[in-house]
Structure formats: C-alpha cells, structure tokens
Amino acid sequence: MNANSTPHTSSWISFTYASFILALIMVAVGIVYLPVDLWIKSYLAMGIVMLVQSSITVTKTMRDVHEASRLANRIDDAKTERLLREVSGSNA
C-alpha cells in the first residue's frame, strides 16, 4: 500500500469474500432449480462465469488507470516543485 491510502480491515475483506461467495451460491442454486432444459441452464451458467470474469477485469483495469494517473500527478508535482525551486533560487 502507498502512504496515502489506508489498508482495508480484515473484517471488510472477509465480508467482501463472503458476499461474493454467497451471491455466487445463490445464483448457482437458482440456475440448478430453474424448470428449463439442461442446455439453457448451461448457457446461463456460462454467462454468469463470463460476467464475473469481466467484472473482475473491468475493476482491475479501472484501478490500474487510477493508480497510473496518481503516479503521473506525483511526477508532475515533483517536476513543478523542482522548477519552482530553481526559479526561486535564481531570483534570490
């Protein structure tokens, strides 16, 4: 973790894992008990798996973009600070 962010508590991490697992189980049970043919159940299960995978990918990508912009902002701030020191040093 970097200095500007606070780490999540173990309770929150456990809650998020439990919520995800519970939701996945509920959807799986719902699909199993649907009164439709096996191929329709398989299609729905495949769609759920792809939805979970793409949700994880989108979340990771958004986090990576945000982290990259934060790093770029810190680099720009450091360059500005150095420029200001150079300018103020030459005028003194």
N, C-alpha and C. Protein backbone atom coordinates (compact mmCIF):
# COMPACT_ATOMS: atom_id res chain seq x y z
N MET A 1 0.84 -1.18 0.00
CA MET A 1 0.00 0.00 0.00
C MET A 1 0.89 1.24 0.00
N ASN A 2 0.41 2.29 -0.62
CA ASN A 2 1.17 3.52 -0.58
C ASN A 2 0.79 4.34 0.64
N ALA A 3 1.52 5.41 0.89
CA ALA A 3 1.33 6.18 2.11
C ALA A 3 -0.01 6.91 2.16
N ASN A 4 -0.62 7.20 1.03
CA ASN A 4 -1.85 7.99 1.00
C ASN A 4 -3.11 7.16 1.20
N SER A 5 -3.04 5.85 1.09
CA SER A 5 -4.25 5.05 1.23
C SER A 5 -4.20 4.25 2.52
N THR A 6 -5.37 3.99 3.06
CA THR A 6 -5.45 3.18 4.27
C THR A 6 -5.82 1.76 3.87
N PRO A 7 -5.18 0.78 4.49
CA PRO A 7 -5.50 -0.61 4.14
C PRO A 7 -6.88 -1.00 4.67
N HIS A 8 -7.49 -1.94 4.01
CA HIS A 8 -8.81 -2.41 4.45
C HIS A 8 -8.64 -3.29 5.67
N THR A 9 -9.64 -3.28 6.53
CA THR A 9 -9.60 -4.14 7.71
C THR A 9 -9.87 -5.58 7.30
N SER A 10 -9.44 -6.50 8.14
CA SER A 10 -9.67 -7.91 7.84
C SER A 10 -11.16 -8.22 7.86
N SER A 11 -11.93 -7.50 8.66
CA SER A 11 -13.39 -7.72 8.68
C SER A 11 -14.00 -7.35 7.33
N TRP A 12 -13.58 -6.24 6.76
CA TRP A 12 -14.12 -5.81 5.47
C TRP A 12 -13.75 -6.80 4.38
N ILE A 13 -12.51 -7.25 4.38
CA ILE A 13 -12.05 -8.21 3.38
C ILE A 13 -12.85 -9.50 3.50
N SER A 14 -13.04 -9.98 4.72
CA SER A 14 -13.84 -11.19 4.93
C SER A 14 -15.27 -10.99 4.46
N PHE A 15 -15.85 -9.83 4.74
CA PHE A 15 -17.21 -9.53 4.32
C PHE A 15 -17.34 -9.55 2.80
N THR A 16 -16.38 -8.97 2.09
CA THR A 16 -16.46 -8.94 0.64
C THR A 16 -16.34 -10.33 0.05
N TYR A 17 -15.43 -11.15 0.58
CA TYR A 17 -15.32 -12.53 0.11
C TYR A 17 -16.60 -13.31 0.39
N ALA A 18 -17.12 -13.17 1.60
CA ALA A 18 -18.35 -13.89 1.97
C ALA A 18 -19.52 -13.45 1.09
N SER A 19 -19.63 -12.16 0.83
CA SER A 19 -20.71 -11.66 -0.02
C SER A 19 -20.61 -12.23 -1.43
N PHE A 20 -19.40 -12.25 -1.97
CA PHE A 20 -19.20 -12.78 -3.31
C PHE A 20 -19.55 -14.26 -3.37
N ILE A 21 -19.07 -15.02 -2.43
CA ILE A 21 -19.33 -16.46 -2.41
C ILE A 21 -20.82 -16.73 -2.23
N LEU A 22 -21.47 -16.01 -1.33
CA LEU A 22 -22.90 -16.20 -1.10
C LEU A 22 -23.71 -15.87 -2.35
N ALA A 23 -23.37 -14.77 -3.02
CA ALA A 23 -24.08 -14.40 -4.24
C ALA A 23 -23.88 -15.45 -5.33
N LEU A 24 -22.67 -15.96 -5.45
CA LEU A 24 -22.38 -16.99 -6.44
C LEU A 24 -23.18 -18.27 -6.14
N ILE A 25 -23.25 -18.65 -4.89
CA ILE A 25 -24.01 -19.84 -4.50
C ILE A 25 -25.50 -19.64 -4.78
N MET A 26 -26.01 -18.46 -4.44
CA MET A 26 -27.43 -18.20 -4.66
C MET A 26 -27.78 -18.26 -6.15
N VAL A 27 -26.94 -17.70 -7.00
CA VAL A 27 -27.20 -17.74 -8.44
C VAL A 27 -27.10 -19.17 -8.95
N ALA A 28 -26.08 -19.91 -8.47
CA ALA A 28 -25.93 -21.31 -8.90
C ALA A 28 -27.14 -22.15 -8.51
N VAL A 29 -27.62 -21.99 -7.28
CA VAL A 29 -28.80 -22.73 -6.84
C VAL A 29 -30.02 -22.33 -7.67
N GLY A 30 -30.15 -21.04 -7.95
CA GLY A 30 -31.26 -20.58 -8.78
C GLY A 30 -31.24 -21.20 -10.16
N ILE A 31 -30.05 -21.29 -10.75
CA ILE A 31 -29.93 -21.90 -12.08
C ILE A 31 -30.25 -23.39 -12.02
N VAL A 32 -29.76 -24.06 -10.99
CA VAL A 32 -30.00 -25.51 -10.88
C VAL A 32 -31.49 -25.81 -10.78
N TYR A 33 -32.22 -25.00 -10.04
CA TYR A 33 -33.64 -25.28 -9.82
C TYR A 33 -34.58 -24.63 -10.86
N LEU A 34 -34.03 -24.01 -11.88
CA LEU A 34 -34.88 -23.48 -12.95
C LEU A 34 -35.59 -24.63 -13.67
N PRO A 35 -36.85 -24.47 -13.98
CA PRO A 35 -37.57 -25.54 -14.68
C PRO A 35 -37.36 -25.45 -16.20
N VAL A 36 -36.10 -25.56 -16.62
CA VAL A 36 -35.77 -25.50 -18.04
C VAL A 36 -34.81 -26.64 -18.38
N ASP A 37 -34.53 -26.81 -19.66
CA ASP A 37 -33.62 -27.87 -20.11
C ASP A 37 -32.20 -27.60 -19.64
N LEU A 38 -31.40 -28.67 -19.66
CA LEU A 38 -30.01 -28.59 -19.21
C LEU A 38 -29.19 -27.62 -20.06
N TRP A 39 -29.42 -27.57 -21.37
CA TRP A 39 -28.63 -26.69 -22.22
C TRP A 39 -28.89 -25.22 -21.89
N ILE A 40 -30.10 -24.87 -21.47
CA ILE A 40 -30.39 -23.49 -21.07
C ILE A 40 -29.69 -23.17 -19.75
N LYS A 41 -29.71 -24.12 -18.83
CA LYS A 41 -29.00 -23.93 -17.56
C LYS A 41 -27.50 -23.75 -17.81
N SER A 42 -26.95 -24.55 -18.70
CA SER A 42 -25.53 -24.45 -19.04
C SER A 42 -25.21 -23.09 -19.64
N TYR A 43 -26.08 -22.62 -20.53
CA TYR A 43 -25.88 -21.32 -21.16
C TYR A 43 -25.90 -20.21 -20.10
N LEU A 44 -26.84 -20.26 -19.18
CA LEU A 44 -26.92 -19.25 -18.12
C LEU A 44 -25.69 -19.31 -17.21
N ALA A 45 -25.26 -20.52 -16.87
CA ALA A 45 -24.06 -20.67 -16.03
C ALA A 45 -22.83 -20.11 -16.73
N MET A 46 -22.71 -20.37 -18.02
CA MET A 46 -21.59 -19.84 -18.80
C MET A 46 -21.62 -18.30 -18.81
N GLY A 47 -22.81 -17.75 -18.97
CA GLY A 47 -22.95 -16.30 -18.95
C GLY A 47 -22.57 -15.71 -17.60
N ILE A 48 -22.95 -16.37 -16.52
CA ILE A 48 -22.60 -15.89 -15.17
C ILE A 48 -21.09 -15.92 -14.98
N VAL A 49 -20.44 -16.99 -15.39
CA VAL A 49 -18.98 -17.09 -15.26
C VAL A 49 -18.30 -15.97 -16.05
N MET A 50 -18.76 -15.72 -17.26
CA MET A 50 -18.17 -14.66 -18.07
C MET A 50 -18.45 -13.28 -17.46
N LEU A 51 -19.62 -13.10 -16.87
CA LEU A 51 -19.95 -11.83 -16.22
C LEU A 51 -19.04 -11.57 -15.03
N VAL A 52 -18.80 -12.59 -14.22
CA VAL A 52 -17.90 -12.44 -13.07
C VAL A 52 -16.49 -12.13 -13.55
N GLN A 53 -16.01 -12.86 -14.54
CA GLN A 53 -14.67 -12.63 -15.06
C GLN A 53 -14.52 -11.23 -15.63
N SER A 54 -15.49 -10.77 -16.40
CA SER A 54 -15.39 -9.43 -16.99
C SER A 54 -15.53 -8.35 -15.93
N SER A 55 -16.30 -8.59 -14.89
CA SER A 55 -16.41 -7.62 -13.79
C SER A 55 -15.07 -7.45 -13.08
N ILE A 56 -14.40 -8.56 -12.85
CA ILE A 56 -13.07 -8.50 -12.22
C ILE A 56 -12.09 -7.77 -13.13
N THR A 57 -12.13 -8.05 -14.41
CA THR A 57 -11.22 -7.40 -15.37
C THR A 57 -11.48 -5.90 -15.44
N VAL A 58 -12.74 -5.49 -15.50
CA VAL A 58 -13.06 -4.06 -15.55
C VAL A 58 -12.61 -3.37 -14.27
N THR A 59 -12.86 -3.99 -13.12
CA THR A 59 -12.44 -3.40 -11.85
C THR A 59 -10.94 -3.23 -11.79
N LYS A 60 -10.19 -4.25 -12.19
CA LYS A 60 -8.73 -4.16 -12.18
C LYS A 60 -8.24 -3.08 -13.13
N THR A 61 -8.82 -3.01 -14.31
CA THR A 61 -8.41 -2.00 -15.28
C THR A 61 -8.67 -0.59 -14.76
N MET A 62 -9.84 -0.38 -14.16
CA MET A 62 -10.15 0.94 -13.61
C MET A 62 -9.18 1.31 -12.48
N ARG A 63 -8.85 0.34 -11.64
CA ARG A 63 -7.90 0.60 -10.56
C ARG A 63 -6.52 0.93 -11.12
N ASP A 64 -6.08 0.18 -12.14
CA ASP A 64 -4.78 0.43 -12.75
C ASP A 64 -4.71 1.81 -13.39
N VAL A 65 -5.77 2.22 -14.07
CA VAL A 65 -5.81 3.56 -14.68
C VAL A 65 -5.74 4.63 -13.61
N HIS A 66 -6.48 4.43 -12.52
CA HIS A 66 -6.48 5.40 -11.42
C HIS A 66 -5.09 5.49 -10.79
N GLU A 67 -4.47 4.34 -10.53
CA GLU A 67 -3.13 4.34 -9.94
C GLU A 67 -2.12 5.00 -10.86
N ALA A 68 -2.23 4.76 -12.16
CA ALA A 68 -1.30 5.37 -13.12
C ALA A 68 -1.47 6.88 -13.13
N SER A 69 -2.72 7.36 -13.05
CA SER A 69 -2.93 8.81 -13.05
C SER A 69 -2.39 9.43 -11.77
N ARG A 70 -2.49 8.72 -10.65
CA ARG A 70 -1.94 9.23 -9.40
C ARG A 70 -0.43 9.34 -9.49
N LEU A 71 0.22 8.33 -10.09
CA LEU A 71 1.66 8.37 -10.26
C LEU A 71 2.06 9.51 -11.19
N ALA A 72 1.32 9.68 -12.27
CA ALA A 72 1.61 10.77 -13.21
C ALA A 72 1.45 12.12 -12.51
N ASN A 73 0.44 12.26 -11.68
CA ASN A 73 0.24 13.52 -10.95
C ASN A 73 1.39 13.77 -9.98
N ARG A 74 1.88 12.73 -9.31
CA ARG A 74 3.01 12.91 -8.39
C ARG A 74 4.27 13.31 -9.14
N ILE A 75 4.46 12.71 -10.32
CA ILE A 75 5.64 13.08 -11.12
C ILE A 75 5.52 14.53 -11.58
N ASP A 76 4.34 14.94 -12.05
CA ASP A 76 4.14 16.33 -12.46
C ASP A 76 4.34 17.29 -11.29
N ASP A 77 3.84 16.92 -10.12
CA ASP A 77 4.03 17.76 -8.93
C ASP A 77 5.51 17.90 -8.58
N ALA A 78 6.26 16.80 -8.69
CA ALA A 78 7.69 16.84 -8.39
C ALA A 78 8.42 17.73 -9.40
N LYS A 79 8.04 17.64 -10.67
CA LYS A 79 8.67 18.48 -11.69
C LYS A 79 8.36 19.95 -11.42
N THR A 80 7.11 20.25 -11.08
CA THR A 80 6.71 21.63 -10.78
C THR A 80 7.47 22.16 -9.58
N GLU A 81 7.56 21.33 -8.55
CA GLU A 81 8.28 21.73 -7.34
C GLU A 81 9.75 22.02 -7.65
N ARG A 82 10.38 21.17 -8.45
CA ARG A 82 11.79 21.38 -8.81
C ARG A 82 11.94 22.67 -9.62
N LEU A 83 11.04 22.92 -10.55
CA LEU A 83 11.07 24.13 -11.35
C LEU A 83 10.92 25.37 -10.47
N LEU A 84 10.00 25.30 -9.52
CA LEU A 84 9.81 26.44 -8.61
C LEU A 84 11.05 26.69 -7.75
N ARG A 85 11.70 25.61 -7.29
CA ARG A 85 12.93 25.78 -6.52
C ARG A 85 14.02 26.42 -7.36
N GLU A 86 14.12 25.99 -8.62
CA GLU A 86 15.15 26.55 -9.50
C GLU A 86 14.88 28.04 -9.76
N VAL A 87 13.63 28.40 -10.00
CA VAL A 87 13.27 29.79 -10.29
C VAL A 87 13.47 30.64 -9.04
N SER A 88 13.03 30.17 -7.91
CA SER A 88 13.19 30.97 -6.68
C SER A 88 14.64 31.06 -6.26
N GLY A 89 15.45 30.05 -6.58
CA GLY A 89 16.86 30.08 -6.26
C GLY A 89 17.63 31.05 -7.14
N SER A 90 17.24 31.22 -8.37
CA SER A 90 17.93 32.12 -9.29
C SER A 90 17.56 33.58 -9.03
N ASN A 91 16.39 33.85 -8.45
CA ASN A 91 15.97 35.22 -8.17
C ASN A 91 16.52 35.71 -6.83
N ALA A 92 16.95 34.86 -5.98
CA ALA A 92 17.39 35.27 -4.65
C ALA A 92 18.77 35.83 -4.63
